[in-house]
Amino acid sequence: MSSEEAPKGAILQRDKQTYAIVPRVPCGLLTKEKLRNLATVVDKYDIPIVKLTSGHRIALVGMKADAINDIYADLGMDPGKATELCLHYVQACPGTEVCKFGIQDSLGFGIRLEALLAGRDMPAKLKVGVSGCPFSCAEGLVRDIGIMGKKKGWTVSFGGNSGQRARIGDILAEEISHEEVITLINRCLDYYAEHGKKKERTARFIERIGIETFREAVLSRPLSEG
């Protein structure tokens, strides 16, 4: 396989000869089997760099293009999205699973959201942060969609970004239920998909159309109506 035929999602590195991949790791959770497979693959293919990313993923860096499909087969993991216009990851803190500060089950909800959003086409890449308490360890306010747990329910923000033009997301709703969060997210992404420009991140989209226009579109009827 030539460098021009590298698998979709593999990222060409600075040397113009090797690639990086980010296997899919929903909400950063790894089983013992996947950890063993990772260690075996790194040794077998002599992968020079293994890096934890800001999105709770693992980047394998420095492989030739013709090894990547075999690496994925040995890992037993699906390719993560690194360049496509879709969900890249859901970042979630431990929440009530183990953290003494957890108020809501952010980890369980994050996994549910990743399954819901995976494979859905977007105008641009999408990142989600789900935190189980107001400490907001999953950094939702600087993610395209932010979800933060409080005693009476979830707070949802939209349009955050941590990149070169950082932006704090706008709060759309507070103290809403799991199902209302899903309804709101679906409405947000439907509107964004219809009106967003190609490769226009949610932060730039909200700046262009205005948050009040967006709020009116997604909150014009009660979330309980679905």
Protein backbone atom coordinates (compact mmCIF):
# COMPACT_ATOMS: atom_id res chain seq x y z
CA MET A 1 0.00 0.00 0.00
CA SER A 2 1.42 3.38 -0.99
CA SER A 3 1.22 6.50 1.15
CA GLU A 4 -1.57 7.73 -1.16
CA GLU A 5 -3.62 4.65 -0.26
CA ALA A 6 -3.45 5.02 3.51
CA PRO A 7 -6.65 3.99 5.30
CA LYS A 8 -9.21 6.72 5.79
CA GLY A 9 -8.62 8.55 9.05
CA ALA A 10 -4.90 7.81 9.26
CA ILE A 11 -2.97 11.05 9.72
CA LEU A 12 0.18 11.66 7.71
CA GLN A 13 2.99 12.81 9.98
CA ARG A 14 5.63 15.51 9.61
CA ASP A 15 8.10 13.16 7.96
CA LYS A 16 5.61 12.58 5.09
CA GLN A 17 6.27 8.84 5.37
CA THR A 18 4.56 7.59 8.52
CA TYR A 19 1.05 7.80 9.94
CA ALA A 20 -0.83 8.10 13.22
CA ILE A 21 -4.12 6.43 14.12
CA VAL A 22 -6.53 6.81 17.05
CA PRO A 23 -8.45 3.56 17.69
CA ARG A 24 -11.97 4.10 18.97
CA VAL A 25 -12.05 4.12 22.78
CA PRO A 26 -15.59 5.10 23.87
CA CYS A 27 -15.33 7.58 26.76
CA GLY A 28 -11.74 6.48 27.38
CA LEU A 29 -12.68 3.04 28.75
CA LEU A 30 -10.30 0.15 28.04
CA THR A 31 -10.75 -3.50 28.98
CA LYS A 32 -7.89 -5.73 30.10
CA GLU A 33 -8.03 -7.51 26.74
CA LYS A 34 -7.68 -4.27 24.79
CA LEU A 35 -4.77 -3.17 26.96
CA ARG A 36 -3.02 -6.49 26.31
CA ASN A 37 -3.70 -6.15 22.59
CA LEU A 38 -2.27 -2.62 22.60
CA ALA A 39 0.91 -3.75 24.30
CA THR A 40 1.27 -6.68 21.90
CA VAL A 41 0.71 -4.50 18.82
CA VAL A 42 3.16 -1.83 19.95
CA ASP A 43 5.82 -4.51 20.40
CA LYS A 44 4.99 -6.50 17.25
CA TYR A 45 5.05 -3.48 14.92
CA ASP A 46 7.70 -1.56 16.84
CA ILE A 47 5.45 1.50 17.11
CA PRO A 48 7.69 4.32 18.36
CA ILE A 49 5.12 6.63 20.01
CA VAL A 50 2.01 5.88 22.06
CA LYS A 51 0.28 9.07 23.22
CA LEU A 52 -2.74 9.74 25.40
CA THR A 53 -4.77 12.50 23.75
CA SER A 54 -6.85 15.31 25.23
CA GLY A 55 -9.98 13.50 24.08
CA HIS A 56 -9.41 10.39 26.25
CA ARG A 57 -8.06 8.43 23.29
CA ILE A 58 -4.80 6.63 22.52
CA ALA A 59 -2.79 7.71 19.48
CA LEU A 60 -0.40 5.25 17.87
CA VAL A 61 2.20 7.18 15.90
CA GLY A 62 4.92 6.30 13.42
CA MET A 63 3.57 3.43 11.31
CA LYS A 64 3.91 2.85 7.58
CA ALA A 65 0.65 2.91 5.61
CA ASP A 66 0.81 -0.77 4.64
CA ALA A 67 0.80 -1.88 8.30
CA ILE A 68 -2.27 0.01 9.48
CA ASN A 69 -5.00 -2.44 8.49
CA ASP A 70 -3.06 -5.31 10.11
CA ILE A 71 -2.63 -3.22 13.26
CA TYR A 72 -6.36 -2.63 13.53
CA ALA A 73 -7.03 -6.33 12.99
CA ASP A 74 -4.61 -7.28 15.79
CA LEU A 75 -6.02 -4.62 18.10
CA GLY A 76 -9.57 -5.85 17.68
CA MET A 77 -10.68 -2.20 17.85
CA ASP A 78 -12.60 -0.02 15.42
CA PRO A 79 -10.87 2.95 13.80
CA GLY A 80 -11.51 6.20 15.61
CA LYS A 81 -12.43 9.31 13.67
CA ALA A 82 -9.58 11.78 13.38
CA THR A 83 -10.21 13.69 10.16
CA GLU A 84 -13.81 12.95 9.13
CA LEU A 85 -16.77 15.34 9.45
CA CYS A 86 -18.57 13.50 12.22
CA LEU A 87 -18.36 12.74 15.93
CA HIS A 88 -14.70 12.44 16.95
CA TYR A 89 -15.20 11.58 20.59
CA VAL A 90 -17.28 11.83 23.73
CA GLN A 91 -15.11 12.82 26.68
CA ALA A 92 -16.62 11.77 30.02
CA CYS A 93 -15.48 11.91 33.63
CA PRO A 94 -16.12 8.95 36.01
CA GLY A 95 -19.21 10.61 37.53
CA THR A 96 -21.12 8.53 40.05
CA GLU A 97 -19.35 5.35 38.93
CA VAL A 98 -16.39 5.99 41.26
CA CYS A 99 -15.91 9.71 41.96
CA LYS A 100 -16.98 11.00 45.39
CA PHE A 101 -18.03 14.29 43.81
CA GLY A 102 -20.21 12.65 41.16
CA ILE A 103 -23.83 13.76 41.07
CA GLN A 104 -24.93 12.23 37.75
CA ASP A 105 -23.79 9.13 35.84
CA SER A 106 -21.68 10.93 33.25
CA LEU A 107 -19.76 7.83 32.19
CA GLY A 108 -22.84 5.76 31.47
CA PHE A 109 -24.57 8.67 29.76
CA GLY A 110 -21.46 9.45 27.73
CA ILE A 111 -21.29 5.89 26.41
CA ARG A 112 -24.97 6.10 25.49
CA LEU A 113 -24.40 9.37 23.63
CA GLU A 114 -21.40 8.02 21.74
CA ALA A 115 -23.49 5.09 20.49
CA LEU A 116 -26.26 7.51 19.52
CA LEU A 117 -24.02 9.94 17.62
CA ALA A 118 -21.39 7.64 16.10
CA GLY A 119 -21.57 7.57 12.32
CA ARG A 120 -23.85 10.59 12.06
CA ASP A 121 -22.67 12.99 9.35
CA MET A 122 -21.98 16.57 10.44
CA PRO A 123 -20.88 19.79 8.73
CA ALA A 124 -17.61 19.52 10.68
CA LYS A 125 -15.98 17.39 13.34
CA LEU A 126 -17.89 17.22 16.62
CA LYS A 127 -16.61 16.83 20.17
CA VAL A 128 -18.71 16.24 23.28
CA GLY A 129 -17.87 16.63 26.98
CA VAL A 130 -19.99 15.01 29.72
CA SER A 131 -19.29 15.87 33.36
CA GLY A 132 -21.01 14.37 36.37
CA CYS A 133 -20.76 17.47 38.54
CA PRO A 134 -20.20 21.25 38.25
CA PHE A 135 -16.41 20.80 38.43
CA SER A 136 -16.80 20.05 34.71
CA CYS A 137 -13.70 17.85 34.40
CA ALA A 138 -14.76 16.77 30.89
CA GLU A 139 -14.41 20.42 29.76
CA GLY A 140 -17.86 20.56 28.19
CA LEU A 141 -17.97 24.35 27.93
CA VAL A 142 -15.13 24.23 25.38
CA ARG A 143 -16.63 21.34 23.42
CA ASP A 144 -19.18 21.53 20.62
CA ILE A 145 -21.70 20.00 23.02
CA GLY A 146 -21.26 20.22 26.76
CA ILE A 147 -23.32 18.32 29.34
CA MET A 148 -22.87 18.91 33.07
CA GLY A 149 -24.62 17.11 35.92
CA LYS A 150 -26.29 18.86 38.83
CA LYS A 151 -28.61 17.59 41.56
CA LYS A 152 -31.79 18.37 39.64
CA GLY A 153 -30.61 17.21 36.23
CA TRP A 154 -28.33 18.17 33.36
CA THR A 155 -27.09 21.49 32.01
CA VAL A 156 -26.48 21.55 28.24
CA SER A 157 -24.27 23.96 26.28
CA PHE A 158 -23.57 24.28 22.57
CA GLY A 159 -20.92 25.96 20.45
CA GLY A 160 -17.80 25.65 22.61
CA ASN A 161 -14.31 25.36 21.19
CA SER A 162 -10.82 25.01 22.68
CA GLY A 163 -8.89 25.69 19.49
CA GLN A 164 -7.04 28.73 18.21
CA ARG A 165 -10.22 30.82 18.45
CA ALA A 166 -11.47 29.53 21.78
CA ARG A 167 -15.11 30.00 22.68
CA ILE A 168 -17.22 29.21 25.74
CA GLY A 169 -20.38 27.35 24.76
CA ASP A 170 -23.79 28.93 25.31
CA ILE A 171 -26.07 27.37 27.92
CA LEU A 172 -29.27 26.13 26.27
CA ALA A 173 -31.06 24.36 29.12
CA GLU A 174 -30.63 23.49 32.79
CA GLU A 175 -32.06 20.87 35.13
CA ILE A 176 -33.32 18.62 32.35
CA SER A 177 -33.63 14.84 32.25
CA HIS A 178 -31.59 12.28 30.29
CA GLU A 179 -34.32 11.97 27.65
CA GLU A 180 -34.69 15.74 27.36
CA VAL A 181 -30.93 16.04 26.83
CA ILE A 182 -31.14 13.57 23.94
CA THR A 183 -34.10 15.43 22.45
CA LEU A 184 -32.24 18.73 22.70
CA ILE A 185 -29.04 17.33 21.20
CA ASN A 186 -30.95 15.83 18.28
CA ARG A 187 -32.66 19.16 17.61
CA CYS A 188 -29.34 21.02 17.82
CA LEU A 189 -27.58 18.67 15.44
CA ASP A 190 -30.49 18.54 12.99
CA TYR A 191 -30.50 22.34 12.76
CA TYR A 192 -26.70 22.50 12.58
CA ALA A 193 -26.61 19.84 9.83
CA GLU A 194 -29.22 21.74 7.81
CA HIS A 195 -27.76 25.24 8.16
CA GLY A 196 -24.04 24.78 8.87
CA LYS A 197 -21.40 25.20 6.20
CA LYS A 198 -18.92 22.43 5.38
CA LYS A 199 -16.09 22.37 7.94
CA GLU A 200 -17.78 25.12 9.97
CA ARG A 201 -17.41 24.13 13.62
CA THR A 202 -20.31 24.82 15.98
CA ALA A 203 -18.49 27.80 17.55
CA ARG A 204 -18.19 29.59 14.21
CA PHE A 205 -21.74 28.52 13.28
CA ILE A 206 -23.21 30.14 16.40
CA GLU A 207 -21.14 33.27 15.85
CA ARG A 208 -22.49 33.51 12.32
CA ILE A 209 -26.20 32.92 12.91
CA GLY A 210 -26.46 34.25 16.48
CA ILE A 211 -27.32 32.33 19.63
CA GLU A 212 -30.85 33.77 19.88
CA THR A 213 -31.73 32.48 16.40
CA PHE A 214 -30.40 29.08 17.41
CA ARG A 215 -32.23 29.02 20.74
CA GLU A 216 -35.50 29.93 19.04
CA ALA A 217 -35.04 27.11 16.55
CA VAL A 218 -34.25 24.35 19.04
CA LEU A 219 -36.33 25.49 22.02
CA SER A 220 -39.48 26.68 20.28
CA ARG A 221 -41.47 23.81 21.80
CA PRO A 222 -41.08 21.87 25.08
CA LEU A 223 -38.36 19.23 25.18
CA SER A 224 -40.90 16.81 26.62
CA GLU A 225 -42.54 16.72 23.18
CA GLY A 226 -39.52 14.95 21.73
